[in-house]
N, C-alpha and C. Protein backbone atom coordinates (compact mmCIF):
# COMPACT_ATOMS: atom_id res chain seq x y z
N MET A 1 16.61 -26.07 0.72
CA MET A 1 16.79 -24.99 1.69
C MET A 1 17.07 -23.67 0.98
N VAL A 2 17.88 -23.75 -0.08
CA VAL A 2 18.19 -22.54 -0.83
C VAL A 2 16.92 -22.00 -1.49
N ALA A 3 16.12 -22.92 -2.05
CA ALA A 3 14.88 -22.51 -2.71
C ALA A 3 13.93 -21.89 -1.69
N HIS A 4 13.89 -22.48 -0.50
CA HIS A 4 13.00 -21.95 0.54
C HIS A 4 13.42 -20.54 0.92
N ASN A 5 14.72 -20.32 1.04
CA ASN A 5 15.22 -19.00 1.42
C ASN A 5 14.86 -17.96 0.36
N SER A 6 15.06 -18.30 -0.90
CA SER A 6 14.75 -17.35 -1.97
C SER A 6 13.25 -17.09 -2.03
N CYS A 7 12.46 -18.11 -1.71
CA CYS A 7 11.01 -17.96 -1.73
C CYS A 7 10.56 -17.00 -0.64
N SER A 8 11.06 -17.20 0.58
CA SER A 8 10.66 -16.34 1.68
C SER A 8 11.19 -14.92 1.46
N LYS A 9 12.35 -14.83 0.79
CA LYS A 9 12.90 -13.51 0.49
C LYS A 9 11.97 -12.77 -0.46
N ARG A 10 11.45 -13.50 -1.45
CA ARG A 10 10.52 -12.89 -2.41
C ARG A 10 9.26 -12.43 -1.68
N GLU A 11 8.77 -13.23 -0.75
CA GLU A 11 7.57 -12.85 0.01
C GLU A 11 7.84 -11.62 0.85
N GLU A 12 9.06 -11.54 1.42
CA GLU A 12 9.44 -10.38 2.21
C GLU A 12 9.38 -9.12 1.36
N ILE A 13 10.00 -9.19 0.18
CA ILE A 13 10.03 -8.04 -0.74
C ILE A 13 8.60 -7.67 -1.15
N ASN A 14 7.78 -8.70 -1.41
CA ASN A 14 6.40 -8.46 -1.81
C ASN A 14 5.63 -7.77 -0.69
N ALA A 15 5.82 -8.23 0.55
CA ALA A 15 5.13 -7.63 1.69
C ALA A 15 5.59 -6.19 1.87
N GLU A 16 6.88 -5.95 1.66
CA GLU A 16 7.41 -4.59 1.79
C GLU A 16 6.80 -3.69 0.72
N TRP A 17 6.68 -4.21 -0.51
CA TRP A 17 6.11 -3.43 -1.60
C TRP A 17 4.65 -3.09 -1.30
N ILE A 18 3.90 -4.08 -0.79
CA ILE A 18 2.49 -3.87 -0.47
C ILE A 18 2.34 -2.80 0.61
N SER A 19 3.19 -2.88 1.65
CA SER A 19 3.09 -1.90 2.73
C SER A 19 3.49 -0.51 2.22
N ASN A 20 4.45 -0.45 1.30
CA ASN A 20 4.83 0.83 0.72
C ASN A 20 3.67 1.42 -0.08
N GLN A 21 3.00 0.58 -0.87
CA GLN A 21 1.85 1.04 -1.65
C GLN A 21 0.74 1.53 -0.74
N ALA A 22 0.48 0.78 0.34
CA ALA A 22 -0.55 1.17 1.30
C ALA A 22 -0.19 2.50 1.95
N TYR A 23 1.08 2.67 2.27
CA TYR A 23 1.53 3.92 2.90
C TYR A 23 1.33 5.10 1.96
N LYS A 24 1.69 4.92 0.70
CA LYS A 24 1.49 5.98 -0.29
C LYS A 24 0.01 6.31 -0.44
N MET A 25 -0.82 5.26 -0.49
CA MET A 25 -2.26 5.45 -0.66
C MET A 25 -2.84 6.24 0.51
N ILE A 26 -2.44 5.85 1.74
CA ILE A 26 -2.94 6.53 2.93
C ILE A 26 -2.45 7.98 2.95
N LYS A 27 -1.19 8.19 2.54
CA LYS A 27 -0.63 9.54 2.52
C LYS A 27 -1.41 10.41 1.54
N ASP A 28 -1.69 9.85 0.34
CA ASP A 28 -2.45 10.59 -0.66
C ASP A 28 -3.87 10.85 -0.17
N LEU A 29 -4.49 9.85 0.47
CA LEU A 29 -5.83 10.03 1.01
C LEU A 29 -5.85 11.16 2.03
N TYR A 30 -4.84 11.16 2.89
CA TYR A 30 -4.77 12.20 3.93
C TYR A 30 -4.58 13.57 3.30
N ARG A 31 -3.72 13.62 2.27
CA ARG A 31 -3.43 14.89 1.61
C ARG A 31 -4.67 15.42 0.89
N HIS A 32 -5.43 14.51 0.26
CA HIS A 32 -6.59 14.92 -0.53
C HIS A 32 -7.90 14.62 0.20
N ARG A 33 -7.83 14.59 1.52
CA ARG A 33 -9.00 14.19 2.31
C ARG A 33 -10.19 15.09 2.03
N ARG A 34 -9.97 16.38 1.94
CA ARG A 34 -11.08 17.30 1.68
C ARG A 34 -11.73 17.00 0.34
N THR A 35 -10.90 16.75 -0.67
CA THR A 35 -11.42 16.44 -2.00
C THR A 35 -12.25 15.17 -1.97
N TYR A 36 -11.75 14.13 -1.27
CA TYR A 36 -12.49 12.87 -1.20
C TYR A 36 -13.79 13.06 -0.43
N ASN A 37 -13.74 13.80 0.68
CA ASN A 37 -14.96 14.03 1.45
C ASN A 37 -15.97 14.79 0.61
N PHE A 38 -15.51 15.78 -0.15
CA PHE A 38 -16.37 16.56 -1.02
C PHE A 38 -17.03 15.66 -2.06
N ALA A 39 -16.22 14.76 -2.66
CA ALA A 39 -16.74 13.86 -3.69
C ALA A 39 -17.71 12.85 -3.09
N LEU A 40 -17.44 12.40 -1.85
CA LEU A 40 -18.30 11.39 -1.23
C LEU A 40 -19.72 11.90 -1.05
N HIS A 41 -19.89 13.20 -0.86
CA HIS A 41 -21.23 13.74 -0.67
C HIS A 41 -22.11 13.55 -1.90
N PHE A 42 -21.48 13.36 -3.06
CA PHE A 42 -22.25 13.26 -4.30
C PHE A 42 -22.38 11.82 -4.78
N LEU A 43 -21.87 10.86 -4.01
CA LEU A 43 -21.97 9.46 -4.43
C LEU A 43 -23.32 8.88 -4.03
């Protein structure tokens, strides 16, 4: 039971880290949206 708790805790932290990374990525995308749109025209 203790091992299960620590395991799910690790997954919780991992999920939180992933959502934080996604949030940062989306924020950066939004901030640099014009730059990305400009670059996309040349891909």
